[in-house]
Amino acid sequence: MRVPQPRNAPLLPKNGDLLYSFYSSNNGNPLKTAISSIQEIYRLMPKDVTIRRACSTGYGEALLKSALLLDDGEVETIAHYTAAAFLTLRWTVSWISAVRI
């Protein structure tokens, strides 16, 4: 029996703030789930906003990158490491700033 893998779709600007997050089981169909999250993003975002880059990670990463003509694909463990390194640095700087006040 194959266990459905979750799909997570965060939307981040350059400063790293989380603008949107979608988390769901892919129900065995990662492409359908990804398309659903993308449609929701386009429904919610202002008309003058442009998505400049898109990347897929994890289960179905190569399929999604190819099917949706995405800019990048990354192995899930590297994506998690990169995000953790970014957030750790950001939180450390925020904590140091708070301590100085």
N, C-alpha and C. Protein backbone atom coordinates (compact mmCIF):
# COMPACT_ATOMS: atom_id res chain seq x y z
N MET A 1 0.84 -1.18 0.00
CA MET A 1 0.00 0.00 0.00
C MET A 1 0.88 1.24 0.00
N ARG A 2 0.60 2.16 -0.90
CA ARG A 2 1.36 3.40 -1.00
C ARG A 2 0.71 4.46 -0.12
N VAL A 3 1.49 5.09 0.71
CA VAL A 3 0.97 6.14 1.59
C VAL A 3 1.03 7.47 0.84
N PRO A 4 -0.10 8.20 0.71
CA PRO A 4 -0.08 9.50 0.04
C PRO A 4 0.87 10.46 0.75
N GLN A 5 1.67 11.15 -0.02
CA GLN A 5 2.61 12.12 0.52
C GLN A 5 1.96 13.50 0.57
N PRO A 6 2.29 14.30 1.58
CA PRO A 6 1.70 15.64 1.66
C PRO A 6 2.32 16.59 0.65
N ARG A 7 1.59 17.61 0.27
CA ARG A 7 2.08 18.69 -0.59
C ARG A 7 2.05 19.96 0.24
N ASN A 8 3.07 20.75 0.13
CA ASN A 8 3.16 22.00 0.86
C ASN A 8 3.54 23.07 -0.15
N ALA A 9 2.82 24.18 -0.17
CA ALA A 9 3.09 25.23 -1.14
C ALA A 9 3.21 26.58 -0.44
N PRO A 10 4.40 26.93 0.05
CA PRO A 10 4.56 28.25 0.64
C PRO A 10 4.80 29.30 -0.44
N LEU A 11 4.43 30.53 -0.17
CA LEU A 11 4.67 31.66 -1.07
C LEU A 11 5.44 32.70 -0.28
N LEU A 12 6.64 33.03 -0.76
CA LEU A 12 7.53 33.94 -0.03
C LEU A 12 8.05 35.07 -0.92
N PRO A 13 8.04 36.31 -0.43
CA PRO A 13 8.73 37.38 -1.14
C PRO A 13 10.22 37.34 -0.80
N LYS A 14 11.00 38.26 -1.36
CA LYS A 14 12.45 38.27 -1.12
C LYS A 14 12.81 38.37 0.36
N ASN A 15 12.00 39.08 1.16
CA ASN A 15 12.35 39.24 2.58
C ASN A 15 12.06 38.00 3.40
N GLY A 16 11.43 36.98 2.81
CA GLY A 16 11.22 35.73 3.50
C GLY A 16 9.95 35.62 4.32
N ASP A 17 9.12 36.66 4.33
CA ASP A 17 7.85 36.57 5.05
C ASP A 17 6.96 35.52 4.38
N LEU A 18 6.22 34.78 5.15
CA LEU A 18 5.32 33.78 4.61
C LEU A 18 4.01 34.46 4.23
N LEU A 19 3.70 34.50 2.93
CA LEU A 19 2.49 35.14 2.45
C LEU A 19 1.34 34.16 2.28
N TYR A 20 1.67 32.90 2.04
CA TYR A 20 0.64 31.89 1.78
C TYR A 20 1.24 30.52 2.06
N SER A 21 0.42 29.63 2.56
CA SER A 21 0.86 28.25 2.76
C SER A 21 -0.31 27.31 2.50
N PHE A 22 -0.03 26.25 1.78
CA PHE A 22 -1.01 25.23 1.47
C PHE A 22 -0.40 23.91 1.86
N TYR A 23 -1.11 23.12 2.67
CA TYR A 23 -0.58 21.82 3.08
C TYR A 23 -1.70 20.81 2.96
N SER A 24 -1.45 19.76 2.21
CA SER A 24 -2.49 18.76 1.97
C SER A 24 -1.85 17.45 1.56
N SER A 25 -2.55 16.36 1.76
CA SER A 25 -2.14 15.08 1.18
C SER A 25 -2.28 15.23 -0.33
N ASN A 26 -1.41 14.56 -1.07
CA ASN A 26 -1.56 14.62 -2.52
C ASN A 26 -2.54 13.57 -3.03
N ASN A 27 -3.05 12.73 -2.14
CA ASN A 27 -4.03 11.70 -2.49
C ASN A 27 -3.59 10.86 -3.69
N GLY A 28 -2.28 10.65 -3.79
CA GLY A 28 -1.75 9.83 -4.87
C GLY A 28 -1.65 10.54 -6.20
N ASN A 29 -1.95 11.84 -6.24
CA ASN A 29 -1.90 12.60 -7.49
C ASN A 29 -1.25 13.96 -7.23
N PRO A 30 0.10 13.99 -7.19
CA PRO A 30 0.77 15.25 -6.86
C PRO A 30 0.50 16.38 -7.86
N LEU A 31 0.32 16.05 -9.12
CA LEU A 31 0.07 17.10 -10.12
C LEU A 31 -1.29 17.77 -9.88
N LYS A 32 -2.31 16.98 -9.66
CA LYS A 32 -3.65 17.54 -9.41
C LYS A 32 -3.64 18.42 -8.15
N THR A 33 -2.96 17.95 -7.10
CA THR A 33 -2.90 18.71 -5.86
C THR A 33 -2.13 20.01 -6.05
N ALA A 34 -1.02 19.96 -6.78
CA ALA A 34 -0.24 21.17 -7.05
C ALA A 34 -1.05 22.18 -7.86
N ILE A 35 -1.74 21.71 -8.87
CA ILE A 35 -2.57 22.61 -9.68
C ILE A 35 -3.65 23.26 -8.83
N SER A 36 -4.24 22.50 -7.92
CA SER A 36 -5.26 23.05 -7.02
C SER A 36 -4.69 24.17 -6.16
N SER A 37 -3.47 23.97 -5.62
CA SER A 37 -2.88 25.02 -4.78
C SER A 37 -2.50 26.24 -5.62
N ILE A 38 -2.02 26.03 -6.83
CA ILE A 38 -1.67 27.16 -7.71
C ILE A 38 -2.92 27.96 -8.07
N GLN A 39 -4.02 27.27 -8.35
CA GLN A 39 -5.27 27.97 -8.66
C GLN A 39 -5.73 28.81 -7.47
N GLU A 40 -5.57 28.28 -6.27
CA GLU A 40 -5.95 29.05 -5.08
C GLU A 40 -5.06 30.28 -4.92
N ILE A 41 -3.77 30.13 -5.15
CA ILE A 41 -2.85 31.27 -5.07
C ILE A 41 -3.29 32.36 -6.04
N TYR A 42 -3.57 32.00 -7.28
CA TYR A 42 -3.98 33.00 -8.28
C TYR A 42 -5.32 33.64 -7.92
N ARG A 43 -6.22 32.91 -7.29
CA ARG A 43 -7.50 33.50 -6.86
C ARG A 43 -7.29 34.53 -5.76
N LEU A 44 -6.33 34.27 -4.88
CA LEU A 44 -6.13 35.12 -3.71
C LEU A 44 -5.20 36.32 -3.93
N MET A 45 -4.28 36.21 -4.87
CA MET A 45 -3.29 37.28 -4.98
C MET A 45 -3.82 38.46 -5.78
N PRO A 46 -3.35 39.67 -5.42
CA PRO A 46 -3.77 40.87 -6.15
C PRO A 46 -3.39 40.78 -7.63
N LYS A 47 -4.17 41.40 -8.47
CA LYS A 47 -3.95 41.33 -9.92
C LYS A 47 -2.61 41.90 -10.36
N ASP A 48 -2.05 42.85 -9.58
CA ASP A 48 -0.79 43.48 -9.97
C ASP A 48 0.44 42.72 -9.47
N VAL A 49 0.24 41.56 -8.85
CA VAL A 49 1.35 40.75 -8.33
C VAL A 49 1.76 39.72 -9.38
N THR A 50 3.05 39.51 -9.50
CA THR A 50 3.58 38.53 -10.45
C THR A 50 4.43 37.50 -9.70
N ILE A 51 4.23 36.25 -10.00
CA ILE A 51 5.09 35.20 -9.45
C ILE A 51 6.31 35.14 -10.36
N ARG A 52 7.49 35.40 -9.78
CA ARG A 52 8.72 35.50 -10.57
C ARG A 52 9.45 34.18 -10.75
N ARG A 53 9.37 33.29 -9.77
CA ARG A 53 10.05 32.00 -9.85
C ARG A 53 9.21 30.96 -9.13
N ALA A 54 9.34 29.73 -9.56
CA ALA A 54 8.62 28.65 -8.91
C ALA A 54 9.52 27.42 -8.87
N CYS A 55 9.40 26.67 -7.78
CA CYS A 55 10.26 25.51 -7.55
C CYS A 55 9.41 24.38 -6.97
N SER A 56 9.75 23.17 -7.31
CA SER A 56 9.09 22.01 -6.69
C SER A 56 10.11 21.21 -5.90
N THR A 57 9.63 20.57 -4.85
CA THR A 57 10.50 19.73 -4.02
C THR A 57 9.76 18.46 -3.66
N GLY A 58 10.49 17.48 -3.20
CA GLY A 58 9.88 16.29 -2.62
C GLY A 58 9.31 15.32 -3.62
N TYR A 59 8.34 14.54 -3.15
CA TYR A 59 7.70 13.50 -3.95
C TYR A 59 7.07 14.11 -5.19
N GLY A 60 7.42 13.62 -6.35
CA GLY A 60 6.87 14.14 -7.60
C GLY A 60 7.56 15.40 -8.08
N GLU A 61 8.69 15.75 -7.50
CA GLU A 61 9.40 17.00 -7.82
C GLU A 61 9.70 17.12 -9.31
N ALA A 62 10.28 16.10 -9.91
CA ALA A 62 10.63 16.17 -11.34
C ALA A 62 9.38 16.23 -12.21
N LEU A 63 8.36 15.48 -11.83
CA LEU A 63 7.10 15.50 -12.57
C LEU A 63 6.50 16.90 -12.56
N LEU A 64 6.43 17.51 -11.38
CA LEU A 64 5.85 18.86 -11.26
C LEU A 64 6.68 19.89 -12.01
N LYS A 65 7.99 19.80 -11.89
CA LYS A 65 8.86 20.76 -12.58
C LYS A 65 8.63 20.69 -14.08
N SER A 66 8.56 19.50 -14.62
CA SER A 66 8.37 19.33 -16.05
C SER A 66 6.95 19.70 -16.49
N ALA A 67 5.96 19.20 -15.80
CA ALA A 67 4.56 19.42 -16.21
C ALA A 67 4.14 20.88 -16.09
N LEU A 68 4.64 21.58 -15.08
CA LEU A 68 4.22 22.96 -14.84
C LEU A 68 5.24 23.99 -15.31
N LEU A 69 6.31 23.52 -15.98
CA LEU A 69 7.36 24.40 -16.51
C LEU A 69 7.94 25.30 -15.42
N LEU A 70 8.27 24.70 -14.28
CA LEU A 70 8.81 25.45 -13.15
C LEU A 70 10.28 25.79 -13.38
N ASP A 71 10.76 26.79 -12.65
CA ASP A 71 12.14 27.25 -12.79
C ASP A 71 13.15 26.28 -12.20
N ASP A 72 12.81 25.68 -11.06
CA ASP A 72 13.75 24.82 -10.35
C ASP A 72 13.03 23.64 -9.72
N GLY A 73 13.84 22.65 -9.39
CA GLY A 73 13.40 21.52 -8.60
C GLY A 73 14.51 21.21 -7.62
N GLU A 74 14.18 20.82 -6.43
CA GLU A 74 15.21 20.56 -5.42
C GLU A 74 14.83 19.33 -4.61
N VAL A 75 15.84 18.54 -4.27
CA VAL A 75 15.63 17.40 -3.40
C VAL A 75 15.08 17.92 -2.07
N GLU A 76 14.12 17.22 -1.51
CA GLU A 76 13.41 17.72 -0.33
C GLU A 76 14.33 17.97 0.86
N THR A 77 15.30 17.10 1.10
CA THR A 77 16.18 17.30 2.25
C THR A 77 17.00 18.58 2.10
N ILE A 78 17.43 18.89 0.89
CA ILE A 78 18.19 20.13 0.65
C ILE A 78 17.27 21.34 0.82
N ALA A 79 16.04 21.23 0.36
CA ALA A 79 15.08 22.33 0.53
C ALA A 79 14.83 22.61 2.01
N HIS A 80 14.68 21.54 2.80
CA HIS A 80 14.48 21.71 4.24
C HIS A 80 15.71 22.33 4.89
N TYR A 81 16.88 21.87 4.52
CA TYR A 81 18.13 22.42 5.07
C TYR A 81 18.25 23.91 4.74
N THR A 82 18.01 24.26 3.48
CA THR A 82 18.13 25.66 3.05
C THR A 82 17.14 26.55 3.81
N ALA A 83 15.91 26.08 3.96
CA ALA A 83 14.90 26.85 4.70
C ALA A 83 15.28 26.99 6.16
N ALA A 84 15.75 25.90 6.76
CA ALA A 84 16.15 25.95 8.17
C ALA A 84 17.31 26.91 8.38
N ALA A 85 18.29 26.88 7.48
CA ALA A 85 19.44 27.79 7.60
C ALA A 85 18.98 29.24 7.48
N PHE A 86 18.09 29.53 6.54
CA PHE A 86 17.58 30.88 6.35
C PHE A 86 16.82 31.34 7.59
N LEU A 87 15.90 30.49 8.08
CA LEU A 87 15.09 30.88 9.23
C LEU A 87 15.91 30.99 10.50
N THR A 88 16.89 30.12 10.68
CA THR A 88 17.75 30.19 11.86
C THR A 88 18.50 31.51 11.88
N LEU A 89 19.07 31.90 10.75
CA LEU A 89 19.77 33.18 10.66
C LEU A 89 18.81 34.33 10.93
N ARG A 90 17.63 34.28 10.33
CA ARG A 90 16.65 35.36 10.50
C ARG A 90 16.22 35.47 11.97
N TRP A 91 15.92 34.34 12.60
CA TRP A 91 15.49 34.37 14.00
C TRP A 91 16.63 34.81 14.91
N THR A 92 17.84 34.41 14.61
CA THR A 92 18.99 34.81 15.41
C THR A 92 19.18 36.32 15.35
N VAL A 93 19.09 36.88 14.16
CA VAL A 93 19.23 38.34 13.99
C VAL A 93 18.09 39.05 14.72
N SER A 94 16.86 38.52 14.61
CA SER A 94 15.72 39.13 15.31
C SER A 94 15.92 39.08 16.82
N TRP A 95 16.41 37.95 17.33
CA TRP A 95 16.63 37.80 18.75
C TRP A 95 17.71 38.76 19.23
N ILE A 96 18.80 38.88 18.47
CA ILE A 96 19.89 39.81 18.85
C ILE A 96 19.35 41.24 18.85
N SER A 97 18.53 41.59 17.85
CA SER A 97 17.95 42.94 17.80
C SER A 97 17.05 43.18 19.01
N ALA A 98 16.28 42.18 19.39
CA ALA A 98 15.37 42.32 20.54
C ALA A 98 16.16 42.46 21.83
N VAL A 99 17.27 41.77 21.96
CA VAL A 99 18.08 41.85 23.16
C VAL A 99 18.72 43.23 23.30
N ARG A 100 19.10 43.83 22.20
CA ARG A 100 19.75 45.15 22.22
C ARG A 100 18.79 46.27 22.60
N ILE A 101 17.52 46.06 22.43
CA ILE A 101 16.53 47.12 22.69
C ILE A 101 16.38 47.35 24.18
